Amino acid sequence: MLLRIKKKDTFISVANADTGYDSNLNDIFLKEKNYTPIIPKNKRNTKDKTKIRTLNEKEKKIYKQRIKVENYYSWIKKFNKINFIQDKKKDNFMGLLTLVNIIIINRNIPNC
């Protein structure tokens, strides 16, 4: 998940991912694109356990935002029509995605 976070008067670009994306190649690629990688280190990937770096408090706060996107995608995947859609036009797919979003919002807002 790529984020832009406002820091004082400027924005910083952050790449937020889980431990499955922890590799030196990913870190190098993201740094070349001017993204700050916030990826927890995979303990199974590291031979020297003293080199495992933990996230600081600011990075933990940003990392927790990832769950919102993960939950959204899991809700969408519950709709089988979205998973197997093969429409010829992008507008048809976007219309169906809009309908799914309305259903998700309607289910998650308590009745007034």
N, C-alpha and C. Protein backbone atom coordinates (compact mmCIF):
# COMPACT_ATOMS: atom_id res chain seq x y z
N MET A 1 0.85 -1.15 0.00
CA MET A 1 0.00 0.00 0.00
C MET A 1 0.90 1.22 0.00
N LEU A 2 0.69 2.10 -0.94
CA LEU A 2 1.48 3.32 -1.04
C LEU A 2 0.69 4.48 -0.45
N LEU A 3 1.33 5.25 0.42
CA LEU A 3 0.69 6.36 1.11
C LEU A 3 1.49 7.63 0.92
N ARG A 4 0.80 8.77 0.98
CA ARG A 4 1.46 10.07 1.08
C ARG A 4 1.04 10.66 2.40
N ILE A 5 2.01 10.94 3.26
CA ILE A 5 1.73 11.44 4.59
C ILE A 5 2.27 12.86 4.72
N LYS A 6 1.43 13.75 5.26
CA LYS A 6 1.85 15.13 5.42
C LYS A 6 2.73 15.25 6.66
N LYS A 7 3.90 15.80 6.45
CA LYS A 7 4.86 16.01 7.53
C LYS A 7 5.26 17.47 7.49
N LYS A 8 4.72 18.24 8.41
CA LYS A 8 4.90 19.70 8.46
C LYS A 8 4.38 20.30 7.16
N ASP A 9 5.25 20.88 6.34
CA ASP A 9 4.81 21.53 5.10
C ASP A 9 4.97 20.66 3.87
N THR A 10 5.53 19.47 4.03
CA THR A 10 5.77 18.62 2.87
C THR A 10 5.08 17.26 3.06
N PHE A 11 5.07 16.50 2.01
CA PHE A 11 4.52 15.14 2.04
C PHE A 11 5.67 14.15 1.90
N ILE A 12 5.56 13.03 2.60
CA ILE A 12 6.51 11.94 2.41
C ILE A 12 5.75 10.76 1.82
N SER A 13 6.42 10.01 0.99
CA SER A 13 5.81 8.84 0.36
C SER A 13 6.27 7.60 1.10
N VAL A 14 5.30 6.76 1.46
CA VAL A 14 5.56 5.59 2.29
C VAL A 14 5.01 4.36 1.60
N ALA A 15 5.78 3.28 1.62
CA ALA A 15 5.31 1.97 1.14
C ALA A 15 5.06 1.11 2.36
N ASN A 16 3.81 0.72 2.57
CA ASN A 16 3.39 -0.02 3.76
C ASN A 16 3.04 -1.45 3.33
N ALA A 17 3.81 -2.44 3.80
CA ALA A 17 3.57 -3.83 3.39
C ALA A 17 3.86 -4.77 4.55
N ASP A 18 3.42 -6.03 4.40
CA ASP A 18 3.65 -7.00 5.47
C ASP A 18 5.01 -7.68 5.28
N THR A 19 5.33 -8.61 6.18
CA THR A 19 6.66 -9.22 6.21
C THR A 19 6.97 -10.06 4.97
N GLY A 20 5.96 -10.43 4.21
CA GLY A 20 6.19 -11.20 2.99
C GLY A 20 6.97 -10.42 1.94
N TYR A 21 6.96 -9.09 2.02
CA TYR A 21 7.65 -8.24 1.06
C TYR A 21 9.00 -7.76 1.57
N ASP A 22 9.48 -8.34 2.67
CA ASP A 22 10.75 -7.94 3.25
C ASP A 22 11.89 -8.58 2.47
N SER A 23 12.56 -7.79 1.65
CA SER A 23 13.75 -8.25 0.94
C SER A 23 14.60 -7.04 0.60
N ASN A 24 15.87 -7.29 0.37
CA ASN A 24 16.78 -6.19 0.02
C ASN A 24 16.41 -5.59 -1.33
N LEU A 25 15.97 -6.42 -2.27
CA LEU A 25 15.59 -5.90 -3.59
C LEU A 25 14.40 -4.95 -3.50
N ASN A 26 13.41 -5.30 -2.67
CA ASN A 26 12.27 -4.41 -2.50
C ASN A 26 12.67 -3.10 -1.85
N ASP A 27 13.55 -3.17 -0.84
CA ASP A 27 14.01 -1.95 -0.18
C ASP A 27 14.75 -1.03 -1.16
N ILE A 28 15.63 -1.62 -1.96
CA ILE A 28 16.40 -0.84 -2.94
C ILE A 28 15.46 -0.21 -3.97
N PHE A 29 14.52 -1.00 -4.48
CA PHE A 29 13.58 -0.50 -5.49
C PHE A 29 12.75 0.67 -4.93
N LEU A 30 12.23 0.52 -3.70
CA LEU A 30 11.41 1.57 -3.11
C LEU A 30 12.22 2.83 -2.83
N LYS A 31 13.43 2.67 -2.39
CA LYS A 31 14.27 3.84 -2.12
C LYS A 31 14.65 4.57 -3.40
N GLU A 32 14.82 3.83 -4.50
CA GLU A 32 15.09 4.46 -5.80
C GLU A 32 13.90 5.30 -6.26
N LYS A 33 12.69 4.86 -5.91
CA LYS A 33 11.47 5.58 -6.28
C LYS A 33 11.07 6.63 -5.23
N ASN A 34 11.96 6.88 -4.26
CA ASN A 34 11.76 7.88 -3.19
C ASN A 34 10.61 7.53 -2.26
N TYR A 35 10.44 6.24 -1.98
CA TYR A 35 9.46 5.79 -0.99
C TYR A 35 10.21 5.33 0.26
N THR A 36 9.62 5.59 1.41
CA THR A 36 10.16 5.08 2.65
C THR A 36 9.49 3.74 2.94
N PRO A 37 10.25 2.64 2.93
CA PRO A 37 9.61 1.34 3.17
C PRO A 37 9.30 1.13 4.65
N ILE A 38 8.05 0.84 4.95
CA ILE A 38 7.65 0.46 6.30
C ILE A 38 7.21 -1.00 6.21
N ILE A 39 8.20 -1.86 6.32
CA ILE A 39 7.99 -3.30 6.20
C ILE A 39 8.67 -3.95 7.39
N PRO A 40 7.90 -4.59 8.28
CA PRO A 40 8.55 -5.28 9.40
C PRO A 40 9.50 -6.36 8.88
N LYS A 41 10.59 -6.53 9.57
CA LYS A 41 11.58 -7.51 9.14
C LYS A 41 11.09 -8.92 9.43
N ASN A 42 11.28 -9.80 8.45
CA ASN A 42 10.89 -11.20 8.57
C ASN A 42 11.98 -11.94 9.34
N LYS A 43 11.65 -12.45 10.49
CA LYS A 43 12.63 -13.12 11.35
C LYS A 43 13.18 -14.39 10.69
N ARG A 44 12.39 -15.05 9.88
CA ARG A 44 12.85 -16.27 9.22
C ARG A 44 13.80 -15.97 8.08
N ASN A 45 13.79 -14.72 7.59
CA ASN A 45 14.62 -14.32 6.47
C ASN A 45 16.03 -13.91 6.90
N THR A 46 16.23 -13.69 8.19
CA THR A 46 17.48 -13.15 8.69
C THR A 46 18.29 -14.23 9.40
N LYS A 47 19.52 -14.41 8.95
CA LYS A 47 20.38 -15.41 9.58
C LYS A 47 20.95 -14.89 10.90
N ASP A 48 21.33 -13.61 10.92
CA ASP A 48 21.88 -13.01 12.13
C ASP A 48 20.76 -12.31 12.88
N LYS A 49 20.32 -12.88 13.98
CA LYS A 49 19.17 -12.37 14.72
C LYS A 49 19.42 -11.00 15.35
N THR A 50 20.68 -10.58 15.46
CA THR A 50 20.97 -9.26 16.04
C THR A 50 20.68 -8.14 15.05
N LYS A 51 20.53 -8.46 13.75
CA LYS A 51 20.28 -7.45 12.73
C LYS A 51 18.80 -7.16 12.52
N ILE A 52 17.93 -7.83 13.25
CA ILE A 52 16.49 -7.61 13.09
C ILE A 52 16.12 -6.25 13.68
N ARG A 53 15.58 -5.39 12.82
CA ARG A 53 15.20 -4.04 13.23
C ARG A 53 13.70 -4.01 13.48
N THR A 54 13.29 -3.40 14.59
CA THR A 54 11.87 -3.27 14.87
C THR A 54 11.40 -1.89 14.44
N LEU A 55 10.11 -1.77 14.22
CA LEU A 55 9.54 -0.49 13.82
C LEU A 55 9.48 0.45 15.02
N ASN A 56 9.72 1.75 14.78
CA ASN A 56 9.56 2.71 15.87
C ASN A 56 8.09 3.08 16.01
N GLU A 57 7.76 3.95 16.94
CA GLU A 57 6.35 4.26 17.25
C GLU A 57 5.63 4.90 16.07
N LYS A 58 6.26 5.82 15.36
CA LYS A 58 5.63 6.46 14.20
C LYS A 58 5.36 5.44 13.11
N GLU A 59 6.33 4.55 12.87
CA GLU A 59 6.17 3.53 11.84
C GLU A 59 5.08 2.53 12.23
N LYS A 60 4.97 2.19 13.51
CA LYS A 60 3.91 1.28 13.96
C LYS A 60 2.54 1.90 13.73
N LYS A 61 2.42 3.20 13.96
CA LYS A 61 1.14 3.89 13.75
C LYS A 61 0.75 3.86 12.27
N ILE A 62 1.72 4.09 11.40
CA ILE A 62 1.46 4.04 9.96
C ILE A 62 1.15 2.61 9.52
N TYR A 63 1.87 1.63 10.08
CA TYR A 63 1.68 0.23 9.70
C TYR A 63 0.28 -0.26 10.06
N LYS A 64 -0.28 0.25 11.15
CA LYS A 64 -1.62 -0.17 11.57
C LYS A 64 -2.70 0.29 10.59
N GLN A 65 -2.42 1.30 9.77
CA GLN A 65 -3.39 1.75 8.78
C GLN A 65 -3.59 0.73 7.67
N ARG A 66 -2.64 -0.17 7.51
CA ARG A 66 -2.71 -1.18 6.45
C ARG A 66 -3.91 -2.10 6.63
N ILE A 67 -4.33 -2.33 7.87
CA ILE A 67 -5.43 -3.26 8.13
C ILE A 67 -6.74 -2.76 7.51
N LYS A 68 -6.90 -1.45 7.41
CA LYS A 68 -8.12 -0.90 6.80
C LYS A 68 -8.24 -1.34 5.34
N VAL A 69 -7.15 -1.27 4.63
CA VAL A 69 -7.16 -1.67 3.22
C VAL A 69 -7.33 -3.18 3.10
N GLU A 70 -6.66 -3.93 3.96
CA GLU A 70 -6.79 -5.39 3.94
C GLU A 70 -8.24 -5.82 4.20
N ASN A 71 -8.90 -5.18 5.16
CA ASN A 71 -10.30 -5.50 5.45
C ASN A 71 -11.19 -5.16 4.27
N TYR A 72 -10.95 -4.03 3.62
CA TYR A 72 -11.75 -3.63 2.47
C TYR A 72 -11.66 -4.69 1.36
N TYR A 73 -10.44 -5.13 1.05
CA TYR A 73 -10.29 -6.14 0.00
C TYR A 73 -10.92 -7.47 0.40
N SER A 74 -10.88 -7.82 1.68
CA SER A 74 -11.51 -9.08 2.09
C SER A 74 -13.03 -8.98 1.96
N TRP A 75 -13.60 -7.79 2.22
CA TRP A 75 -15.05 -7.61 2.04
C TRP A 75 -15.42 -7.74 0.57
N ILE A 76 -14.61 -7.14 -0.30
CA ILE A 76 -14.90 -7.20 -1.74
C ILE A 76 -14.81 -8.65 -2.25
N LYS A 77 -13.85 -9.40 -1.75
CA LYS A 77 -13.66 -10.77 -2.21
C LYS A 77 -14.82 -11.69 -1.82
N LYS A 78 -15.66 -11.27 -0.89
CA LYS A 78 -16.83 -12.06 -0.52
C LYS A 78 -17.86 -12.08 -1.64
N PHE A 79 -17.79 -11.10 -2.54
CA PHE A 79 -18.71 -11.03 -3.67
C PHE A 79 -18.09 -11.79 -4.84
N ASN A 80 -18.60 -12.97 -5.13
CA ASN A 80 -18.01 -13.83 -6.15
C ASN A 80 -18.03 -13.20 -7.53
N LYS A 81 -19.03 -12.39 -7.80
CA LYS A 81 -19.14 -11.76 -9.11
C LYS A 81 -17.94 -10.87 -9.39
N ILE A 82 -17.42 -10.19 -8.36
CA ILE A 82 -16.26 -9.32 -8.54
C ILE A 82 -15.01 -10.15 -8.82
N ASN A 83 -14.85 -11.27 -8.15
CA ASN A 83 -13.65 -12.09 -8.34
C ASN A 83 -13.53 -12.65 -9.75
N PHE A 84 -14.64 -13.01 -10.37
CA PHE A 84 -14.60 -13.68 -11.66
C PHE A 84 -15.15 -12.83 -12.80
N ILE A 85 -15.14 -11.53 -12.62
CA ILE A 85 -15.74 -10.65 -13.63
C ILE A 85 -14.84 -10.57 -14.87
N GLN A 86 -15.46 -10.63 -16.04
CA GLN A 86 -14.73 -10.48 -17.29
C GLN A 86 -15.55 -9.60 -18.23
N ASP A 87 -15.79 -8.37 -17.81
CA ASP A 87 -16.56 -7.45 -18.65
C ASP A 87 -15.68 -6.87 -19.74
N LYS A 88 -16.30 -6.57 -20.86
CA LYS A 88 -15.57 -5.96 -21.96
C LYS A 88 -15.26 -4.50 -21.68
N LYS A 89 -16.15 -3.85 -20.93
CA LYS A 89 -15.99 -2.41 -20.70
C LYS A 89 -15.63 -2.14 -19.24
N LYS A 90 -14.74 -1.19 -19.06
CA LYS A 90 -14.32 -0.79 -17.72
C LYS A 90 -15.48 -0.19 -16.95
N ASP A 91 -16.38 0.51 -17.63
CA ASP A 91 -17.51 1.16 -16.97
C ASP A 91 -18.43 0.14 -16.29
N ASN A 92 -18.62 -1.02 -16.92
CA ASN A 92 -19.46 -2.06 -16.31
C ASN A 92 -18.85 -2.56 -15.01
N PHE A 93 -17.53 -2.78 -15.03
CA PHE A 93 -16.85 -3.25 -13.83
C PHE A 93 -16.90 -2.19 -12.73
N MET A 94 -16.68 -0.93 -13.10
CA MET A 94 -16.71 0.14 -12.11
C MET A 94 -18.11 0.32 -11.52
N GLY A 95 -19.13 0.11 -12.35
CA GLY A 95 -20.50 0.18 -11.84
C GLY A 95 -20.78 -0.92 -10.83
N LEU A 96 -20.31 -2.13 -11.13
CA LEU A 96 -20.48 -3.24 -10.20
C LEU A 96 -19.68 -3.02 -8.92
N LEU A 97 -18.49 -2.48 -9.04
CA LEU A 97 -17.67 -2.18 -7.87
C LEU A 97 -18.33 -1.10 -7.00
N THR A 98 -18.95 -0.12 -7.63
CA THR A 98 -19.68 0.92 -6.89
C THR A 98 -20.85 0.31 -6.14
N LEU A 99 -21.56 -0.59 -6.78
CA LEU A 99 -22.68 -1.27 -6.12
C LEU A 99 -22.20 -2.07 -4.91
N VAL A 100 -21.08 -2.78 -5.06
CA VAL A 100 -20.52 -3.54 -3.94
C VAL A 100 -20.13 -2.61 -2.80
N ASN A 101 -19.54 -1.46 -3.13
CA ASN A 101 -19.17 -0.49 -2.09
C ASN A 101 -20.39 0.03 -1.35
N ILE A 102 -21.47 0.27 -2.06
CA ILE A 102 -22.71 0.73 -1.42
C ILE A 102 -23.24 -0.34 -0.47
N ILE A 103 -23.20 -1.58 -0.90
CA ILE A 103 -23.67 -2.68 -0.04
C ILE A 103 -22.79 -2.80 1.20
N ILE A 104 -21.47 -2.69 1.04
CA ILE A 104 -20.56 -2.78 2.19
C ILE A 104 -20.81 -1.64 3.17
N ILE A 105 -20.96 -0.43 2.66
CA ILE A 105 -21.21 0.72 3.54
C ILE A 105 -22.55 0.56 4.25
N ASN A 106 -23.56 0.09 3.52
CA ASN A 106 -24.89 -0.08 4.10
C ASN A 106 -24.87 -1.12 5.22
N ARG A 107 -24.10 -2.18 5.06
CA ARG A 107 -24.03 -3.22 6.08
C ARG A 107 -23.28 -2.77 7.32
N ASN A 108 -22.32 -1.88 7.16
CA ASN A 108 -21.44 -1.50 8.28
C ASN A 108 -21.89 -0.24 9.01
N ILE A 109 -22.89 0.44 8.51
CA ILE A 109 -23.41 1.62 9.23
C ILE A 109 -24.60 1.14 10.08
N PRO A 110 -24.54 1.39 11.37
CA PRO A 110 -25.66 0.96 12.22
C PRO A 110 -26.93 1.74 11.88
N ASN A 111 -28.06 1.08 12.08
CA ASN A 111 -29.35 1.73 11.81
C ASN A 111 -29.57 2.88 12.79
N CYS A 112 -30.06 3.98 12.29
CA CYS A 112 -30.30 5.15 13.15
C CYS A 112 -31.71 5.13 13.71
